[in-house]
Amino acid sequence: MLYIINLIFSCLYLSQIKENKTSVFLIKIMPVILLWIFIVGGQFEIGADYENYKSFFSHPHRGTRFEPLFTWVSRIAYDCGFVGQGQFFIYALINVVVIFIASHKLGVKNWGIFYFLLITVSTFFNNQMNGIRQCTAVVFVYWAFVELYTKKFKGVSLVILAGGFHFSALICVLFAYIEKITTFLTKYPRILLIASCLISLIPADEYINQSLIGFLPEEVREETHYERMYANEESTSASTGIIYKLSKLLLLPLYLYSLRLLKFGNLSKKENLFFRFGILSYSFRCALLINNLIGRFSYYFWIPSIMPLYYLFVNLYRRGRYADMAIWMFYASFIYFIKVFMGTAEYKSSFIYFQ
């Protein structure tokens, strides 16, 4: 129920917020930020890694395999009195603030629509319950993607910072020339979308994982447990399931429909750039679902992948096509509501307030 309350309240509240400079904007949306922190920080036994993280947050000064920046932040939080469960609130705060800063810099104005898609389509909100390190890396990479178009040094610096929370983020340095990469790869967006969805259905064996892990520096392989988790037949056979893949591929018709915005020139130059990167992000998000290891890299495209749908819904709203917008928004989100009502995995409704 808290997930639905969050969605309804935050979307209605944010729909009243007008554009402002970042500091004022963050103050205006404080009720949404606090509700986000209240829910995510108050999680109880949600996700397979809950107990591992809680244990680490209670003893962060002991030896650890975790990335250096994550360890450093956790130790400072611990020294400031945030022990155990308290640190879930810290990382929830970091995530929500960075998301809103990056989105504000991107030029989002219709915040109710954006937040609706952030929760229901990107899946970030619920997935951060379990993948704490990588989800914190995800928000900094998202910010980096926004900055890389105009401030390459700042963008690359944010990617490196993200790597301090999860080593896998460092691969996003490849997007230093994001505009050229996006323009080239999205020259034929319809073909790209369809091809990426077909690629996701290709079965991947353990040899692919072993080959990819072999590219990692030895010190990184020692610090992470990718080899133990992914480079064997058992892990690849438990690869990203067909049901999970289909839940993402079902959005393909909506993305194809959104290409109308390119055809009819409904976007400004800046919007066109991020629309195309959103198409590329959704394509990567699908194509990388081959198995669990490769699928981990799809996380970095969760948030930017919603931008084509954001621009589509904003366009429908401005043209007064409210029925069309409502139908497509329901289509985009019904999988999310099914997961919430089923209450499994990261969608489990279990919080410390009710124990």
Protein backbone atom coordinates (compact mmCIF):
# COMPACT_ATOMS: atom_id res chain seq x y z
CA MET A 1 0.00 0.00 0.00
CA LEU A 2 2.89 2.39 0.74
CA TYR A 3 4.08 2.06 -2.85
CA ILE A 4 0.70 3.12 -4.20
CA ILE A 5 0.42 5.97 -1.69
CA ASN A 6 3.85 7.17 -2.75
CA LEU A 7 2.93 7.05 -6.43
CA ILE A 8 -0.39 8.87 -6.05
CA PHE A 9 0.73 11.52 -3.57
CA SER A 10 4.08 12.26 -5.22
CA CYS A 11 2.67 12.48 -8.75
CA LEU A 12 -0.13 14.82 -7.67
CA TYR A 13 2.22 16.96 -5.60
CA LEU A 14 4.92 17.15 -8.27
CA SER A 15 2.37 18.04 -10.94
CA GLN A 16 1.98 21.39 -9.14
CA ILE A 17 5.71 22.16 -9.08
CA LYS A 18 6.99 24.71 -11.57
CA GLU A 19 10.55 24.99 -12.84
CA ASN A 20 12.97 26.81 -10.54
CA LYS A 21 16.65 26.91 -9.79
CA THR A 22 17.90 23.63 -8.33
CA SER A 23 18.23 24.66 -4.68
CA VAL A 24 14.72 26.17 -4.54
CA PHE A 25 13.33 23.21 -6.47
CA LEU A 26 14.72 20.70 -3.95
CA ILE A 27 13.14 22.64 -1.10
CA LYS A 28 9.77 22.69 -2.88
CA ILE A 29 9.76 18.93 -3.40
CA MET A 30 10.89 18.09 0.14
CA PRO A 31 7.65 16.20 0.98
CA VAL A 32 8.31 13.84 -1.95
CA ILE A 33 11.95 13.38 -0.91
CA LEU A 34 10.96 12.62 2.68
CA LEU A 35 8.31 10.09 1.62
CA TRP A 36 10.86 8.38 -0.64
CA ILE A 37 13.35 8.15 2.23
CA PHE A 38 10.66 6.98 4.66
CA ILE A 39 9.71 4.05 2.42
CA VAL A 40 13.13 2.98 1.12
CA GLY A 41 14.93 3.54 4.42
CA GLY A 42 12.26 1.68 6.35
CA GLN A 43 12.45 -1.51 4.31
CA PHE A 44 12.59 -4.74 6.31
CA GLU A 45 14.04 -7.96 4.89
CA ILE A 46 13.34 -6.92 1.31
CA GLY A 47 15.70 -8.50 -1.21
CA ALA A 48 18.28 -11.24 -0.87
CA ASP A 49 21.04 -8.91 0.33
CA TYR A 50 19.17 -7.13 3.10
CA GLU A 51 20.83 -8.98 5.98
CA ASN A 52 24.30 -8.72 4.39
CA TYR A 53 24.01 -4.96 4.04
CA LYS A 54 22.51 -4.49 7.49
CA SER A 55 25.35 -6.52 8.99
CA PHE A 56 27.94 -4.44 7.15
CA PHE A 57 26.24 -1.19 8.17
CA SER A 58 26.54 -2.35 11.78
CA HIS A 59 30.29 -3.13 11.42
CA PRO A 60 31.62 -1.06 8.47
CA HIS A 61 35.15 -0.72 9.87
CA ARG A 62 35.92 -4.40 9.52
CA GLY A 63 37.57 -5.84 6.40
CA THR A 64 35.36 -5.70 3.35
CA ARG A 65 35.29 -6.57 -0.35
CA PHE A 66 33.04 -3.59 -1.08
CA GLU A 67 34.13 -0.73 -3.31
CA PRO A 68 36.16 2.06 -1.62
CA LEU A 69 33.71 4.96 -1.89
CA PHE A 70 30.80 2.86 -0.69
CA THR A 71 32.91 1.71 2.26
CA TRP A 72 34.04 5.27 3.02
CA VAL A 73 30.50 6.70 2.99
CA SER A 74 29.24 3.83 5.15
CA ARG A 75 32.00 4.35 7.69
CA ILE A 76 31.37 8.10 7.92
CA ALA A 77 27.64 7.45 8.35
CA TYR A 78 28.42 4.90 11.07
CA ASP A 79 30.69 7.37 12.88
CA CYS A 80 27.85 9.93 12.72
CA GLY A 81 25.51 7.52 14.47
CA PHE A 82 23.78 5.84 11.57
CA VAL A 83 24.15 2.19 12.49
CA GLY A 84 22.57 -0.84 10.83
CA GLN A 85 19.11 0.06 9.52
CA GLY A 86 19.93 3.75 9.71
CA GLN A 87 22.18 3.59 6.68
CA PHE A 88 19.35 2.48 4.41
CA PHE A 89 17.95 5.97 5.01
CA ILE A 90 21.30 7.55 4.04
CA TYR A 91 21.50 5.79 0.69
CA ALA A 92 17.83 6.51 -0.02
CA LEU A 93 18.59 10.20 0.54
CA ILE A 94 21.60 10.12 -1.79
CA ASN A 95 19.64 8.38 -4.53
CA VAL A 96 16.57 10.60 -4.55
CA VAL A 97 18.52 13.87 -4.36
CA VAL A 98 20.88 12.91 -7.19
CA ILE A 99 17.98 11.77 -9.39
CA PHE A 100 16.14 15.05 -8.98
CA ILE A 101 19.29 17.16 -9.49
CA ALA A 102 20.15 15.30 -12.69
CA SER A 103 16.58 15.44 -13.99
CA HIS A 104 16.35 19.15 -13.24
CA LYS A 105 19.56 19.72 -15.21
CA LEU A 106 18.16 17.60 -18.02
CA GLY A 107 15.23 20.01 -18.30
CA VAL A 108 12.32 17.97 -16.95
CA LYS A 109 9.31 20.24 -16.31
CA ASN A 110 6.29 17.95 -16.11
CA TRP A 111 7.37 16.33 -12.87
CA GLY A 112 4.21 14.34 -12.23
CA ILE A 113 4.57 12.47 -15.51
CA PHE A 114 8.31 12.00 -15.00
CA TYR A 115 7.88 10.59 -11.49
CA PHE A 116 5.15 8.22 -12.64
CA LEU A 117 7.49 6.75 -15.25
CA LEU A 118 10.45 6.73 -12.87
CA ILE A 119 8.50 4.51 -10.47
CA THR A 120 6.52 2.30 -12.83
CA VAL A 121 8.75 1.92 -15.89
CA SER A 122 12.34 2.44 -14.81
CA THR A 123 11.80 0.05 -11.83
CA PHE A 124 14.58 1.94 -10.00
CA PHE A 125 12.55 2.78 -6.90
CA ASN A 126 11.88 -0.81 -5.88
CA ASN A 127 15.13 -2.28 -7.14
CA GLN A 128 17.16 0.07 -4.94
CA MET A 129 15.77 -1.87 -1.98
CA ASN A 130 18.15 -4.72 -2.81
CA GLY A 131 20.96 -3.53 -5.09
CA ILE A 132 22.11 -0.72 -2.84
CA ARG A 133 25.66 -0.28 -4.14
CA GLN A 134 24.84 -0.56 -7.82
CA CYS A 135 21.70 1.56 -7.57
CA THR A 136 23.71 4.36 -5.99
CA ALA A 137 26.15 3.99 -8.88
CA VAL A 138 23.17 4.09 -11.27
CA VAL A 139 22.03 7.54 -10.13
CA PHE A 140 25.50 9.04 -10.53
CA VAL A 141 25.86 7.49 -13.99
CA TYR A 142 22.46 8.96 -14.90
CA TRP A 143 23.71 12.37 -13.80
CA ALA A 144 26.90 11.74 -15.81
CA PHE A 145 24.88 11.01 -18.95
CA VAL A 146 23.13 14.37 -18.57
CA GLU A 147 26.42 16.24 -18.11
CA LEU A 148 28.41 14.46 -20.83
CA TYR A 149 26.62 16.37 -23.60
CA THR A 150 28.07 19.71 -22.49
CA LYS A 151 30.61 19.09 -19.71
CA LYS A 152 32.67 16.02 -20.53
CA PHE A 153 35.11 16.35 -17.63
CA LYS A 154 32.30 16.62 -15.11
CA GLY A 155 30.47 13.71 -16.74
CA VAL A 156 33.51 11.43 -16.73
CA SER A 157 34.24 12.44 -13.13
CA LEU A 158 30.73 11.38 -12.13
CA VAL A 159 31.22 8.01 -13.84
CA ILE A 160 34.46 7.50 -11.90
CA LEU A 161 32.66 8.50 -8.70
CA ALA A 162 29.95 5.95 -9.52
CA GLY A 163 32.67 3.33 -9.92
CA GLY A 164 33.54 3.93 -6.29
CA PHE A 165 30.15 2.48 -5.38
CA HIS A 166 30.13 -0.33 -7.95
CA PHE A 167 33.04 -1.21 -10.25
CA SER A 168 30.74 -2.07 -13.16
CA ALA A 169 29.88 1.63 -13.58
CA LEU A 170 33.34 2.33 -15.01
CA ILE A 171 32.30 0.81 -18.34
CA CYS A 172 30.11 3.89 -18.86
CA VAL A 173 33.27 5.93 -19.51
CA LEU A 174 32.82 4.61 -23.05
CA PHE A 175 30.02 7.17 -23.38
CA ALA A 176 32.40 10.13 -23.10
CA TYR A 177 31.35 11.01 -26.67
CA ILE A 178 27.71 10.33 -25.96
CA GLU A 179 26.26 12.61 -28.64
CA LYS A 180 28.22 11.03 -31.51
CA ILE A 181 27.53 7.51 -30.24
CA THR A 182 23.81 8.20 -29.88
CA THR A 183 23.46 9.90 -33.26
CA PHE A 184 25.21 7.01 -35.01
CA LEU A 185 23.39 4.17 -33.26
CA THR A 186 19.92 5.74 -33.49
CA LYS A 187 20.10 6.61 -37.18
CA TYR A 188 17.44 3.96 -37.78
CA PRO A 189 15.63 3.86 -34.41
CA ARG A 190 12.86 1.46 -35.44
CA ILE A 191 15.36 -1.17 -36.58
CA LEU A 192 17.44 -0.62 -33.43
CA LEU A 193 14.44 -1.16 -31.14
CA ILE A 194 13.24 -4.34 -32.85
CA ALA A 195 16.75 -5.79 -33.16
CA SER A 196 17.56 -5.19 -29.50
CA CYS A 197 14.40 -6.98 -28.39
CA LEU A 198 15.24 -9.96 -30.58
CA ILE A 199 18.81 -10.04 -29.24
CA SER A 200 17.51 -10.27 -25.67
CA LEU A 201 15.92 -13.63 -26.51
CA ILE A 202 19.23 -15.18 -27.58
CA PRO A 203 20.35 -17.79 -25.01
CA ALA A 204 23.82 -17.16 -23.54
CA ASP A 205 26.05 -19.91 -22.16
CA GLU A 206 28.69 -19.77 -19.42
CA TYR A 207 31.52 -19.22 -21.93
CA ILE A 208 30.31 -15.64 -22.53
CA ASN A 209 30.44 -14.85 -18.82
CA GLN A 210 33.87 -16.41 -18.40
CA SER A 211 35.19 -14.41 -21.35
CA LEU A 212 33.80 -11.12 -20.01
CA ILE A 213 35.13 -11.72 -16.52
CA GLY A 214 38.53 -12.47 -18.06
CA PHE A 215 38.75 -8.84 -19.19
CA LEU A 216 38.57 -7.59 -15.60
CA PRO A 217 41.86 -6.66 -13.90
CA GLU A 218 42.96 -9.30 -11.42
CA GLU A 219 42.57 -6.97 -8.43
CA VAL A 220 38.96 -6.25 -9.41
CA ARG A 221 38.20 -9.96 -9.81
CA GLU A 222 39.58 -10.51 -6.32
CA GLU A 223 37.47 -7.72 -4.81
CA THR A 224 34.22 -8.79 -6.48
CA HIS A 225 32.63 -12.21 -6.56
CA TYR A 226 31.58 -12.17 -10.22
CA GLU A 227 33.61 -15.28 -11.00
CA ARG A 228 31.93 -17.30 -8.26
CA MET A 229 28.47 -15.93 -9.09
CA TYR A 230 28.43 -15.87 -12.87
CA ALA A 231 31.17 -17.99 -14.46
CA ASN A 232 29.55 -21.37 -14.06
CA GLU A 233 26.76 -23.31 -15.66
CA GLU A 234 24.45 -23.05 -12.66
CA SER A 235 24.44 -19.26 -12.67
CA THR A 236 23.91 -18.91 -16.39
CA SER A 237 21.11 -21.45 -16.36
CA ALA A 238 19.44 -19.20 -13.80
CA SER A 239 19.85 -16.30 -16.17
CA THR A 240 17.33 -13.54 -16.61
CA GLY A 241 14.04 -15.38 -17.03
CA ILE A 242 11.73 -15.18 -20.00
CA ILE A 243 8.92 -13.65 -17.91
CA TYR A 244 11.20 -10.84 -16.77
CA LYS A 245 12.34 -10.25 -20.35
CA LEU A 246 8.78 -10.15 -21.64
CA SER A 247 7.84 -7.59 -19.00
CA LYS A 248 10.38 -5.25 -20.63
CA LEU A 249 9.72 -6.26 -24.24
CA LEU A 250 6.00 -5.51 -23.84
CA LEU A 251 6.95 -1.84 -23.88
CA LEU A 252 8.26 -2.09 -27.45
CA PRO A 253 4.97 -0.96 -29.11
CA LEU A 254 4.95 2.14 -26.93
CA TYR A 255 8.52 3.04 -27.86
CA LEU A 256 7.73 2.48 -31.53
CA TYR A 257 4.71 4.76 -31.16
CA SER A 258 6.88 7.44 -29.53
CA LEU A 259 8.98 7.66 -32.71
CA ARG A 260 6.14 9.80 -34.09
CA LEU A 261 7.74 12.67 -32.19
CA LEU A 262 10.83 12.40 -34.40
CA LYS A 263 8.78 12.04 -37.56
CA PHE A 264 6.70 15.16 -36.93
CA GLY A 265 9.49 17.27 -35.40
CA ASN A 266 7.76 17.79 -32.05
CA LEU A 267 11.01 18.06 -30.06
CA SER A 268 13.48 20.85 -29.43
CA LYS A 269 17.16 20.21 -30.21
CA LYS A 270 17.95 19.30 -26.59
CA GLU A 271 14.84 17.13 -26.29
CA ASN A 272 15.78 15.38 -29.51
CA LEU A 273 19.19 14.47 -28.09
CA PHE A 274 17.79 12.96 -24.91
CA PHE A 275 14.90 11.32 -26.75
CA ARG A 276 17.38 9.49 -28.95
CA PHE A 277 19.55 8.56 -25.99
CA GLY A 278 16.40 7.26 -24.32
CA ILE A 279 15.71 5.06 -27.36
CA LEU A 280 19.31 3.82 -27.20
CA SER A 281 18.96 3.23 -23.44
CA TYR A 282 15.82 1.13 -23.84
CA SER A 283 17.55 -0.81 -26.62
CA PHE A 284 20.55 -1.50 -24.38
CA ARG A 285 18.23 -2.32 -21.52
CA CYS A 286 16.62 -5.04 -23.63
CA ALA A 287 19.68 -6.34 -25.49
CA LEU A 288 21.65 -6.74 -22.25
CA LEU A 289 19.02 -9.06 -20.77
CA ILE A 290 20.79 -12.09 -22.24
CA ASN A 291 21.75 -13.36 -18.78
CA ASN A 292 22.36 -12.23 -15.21
CA LEU A 293 25.93 -10.97 -15.60
CA ILE A 294 25.37 -9.01 -18.79
CA GLY A 295 22.02 -7.87 -17.43
CA ARG A 296 23.77 -6.09 -14.56
CA PHE A 297 25.04 -3.51 -17.05
CA SER A 298 21.48 -2.78 -18.18
CA TYR A 299 20.87 -1.11 -14.82
CA TYR A 300 22.68 2.03 -15.98
CA PHE A 301 20.04 2.60 -18.64
CA TRP A 302 16.99 2.21 -16.39
CA ILE A 303 16.35 5.91 -15.78
CA PRO A 304 17.30 7.46 -19.16
CA SER A 305 15.20 4.80 -20.92
CA ILE A 306 12.01 6.51 -19.72
CA MET A 307 12.71 9.76 -21.56
CA PRO A 308 11.04 8.87 -24.90
CA LEU A 309 7.87 7.96 -22.99
CA TYR A 310 8.13 11.14 -20.94
CA TYR A 311 8.29 13.29 -24.08
CA LEU A 312 5.45 11.29 -25.64
CA PHE A 313 3.10 11.72 -22.67
CA VAL A 314 3.97 15.41 -22.32
CA ASN A 315 3.17 15.87 -26.01
CA LEU A 316 -0.18 14.09 -25.67
CA TYR A 317 -1.01 16.15 -22.58
CA ARG A 318 -0.22 19.46 -24.28
CA ARG A 319 -2.38 18.51 -27.26
CA GLY A 320 -5.30 17.67 -24.97
CA ARG A 321 -5.31 13.98 -25.89
CA TYR A 322 -5.97 12.90 -22.31
CA ALA A 323 -7.70 9.62 -23.16
CA ASP A 324 -4.80 8.48 -25.35
CA MET A 325 -2.35 9.47 -22.64
CA ALA A 326 -4.29 7.59 -19.95
CA ILE A 327 -4.49 4.41 -22.06
CA TRP A 328 -0.78 4.42 -22.86
CA MET A 329 0.18 5.23 -19.26
CA PHE A 330 -1.91 2.29 -18.07
CA TYR A 331 -0.26 0.08 -20.68
CA ALA A 332 3.21 1.21 -19.53
CA SER A 333 2.51 0.64 -15.85
CA PHE A 334 0.22 -2.37 -15.46
CA ILE A 335 3.19 -4.74 -15.00
CA TYR A 336 4.36 -2.58 -12.09
CA PHE A 337 0.96 -2.76 -10.40
CA ILE A 338 0.87 -6.53 -10.83
CA LYS A 339 4.26 -6.81 -9.11
CA VAL A 340 3.15 -4.55 -6.27
CA PHE A 341 -0.07 -6.46 -5.63
CA MET A 342 1.80 -9.78 -5.79
CA GLY A 343 4.34 -8.37 -3.32
CA THR A 344 7.31 -10.49 -4.34
CA ALA A 345 11.06 -9.78 -4.19
CA GLU A 346 11.80 -6.02 -4.24
CA TYR A 347 8.04 -5.30 -4.35
CA LYS A 348 7.44 -6.90 -0.98
CA SER A 349 5.59 -4.66 1.48
CA SER A 350 7.64 -5.21 4.60
CA PHE A 351 8.75 -2.26 6.71
CA ILE A 352 10.25 -1.72 10.16
CA TYR A 353 7.30 0.47 11.14
CA PHE A 354 4.91 -2.49 11.17
CA GLN A 355 7.05 -5.14 12.83
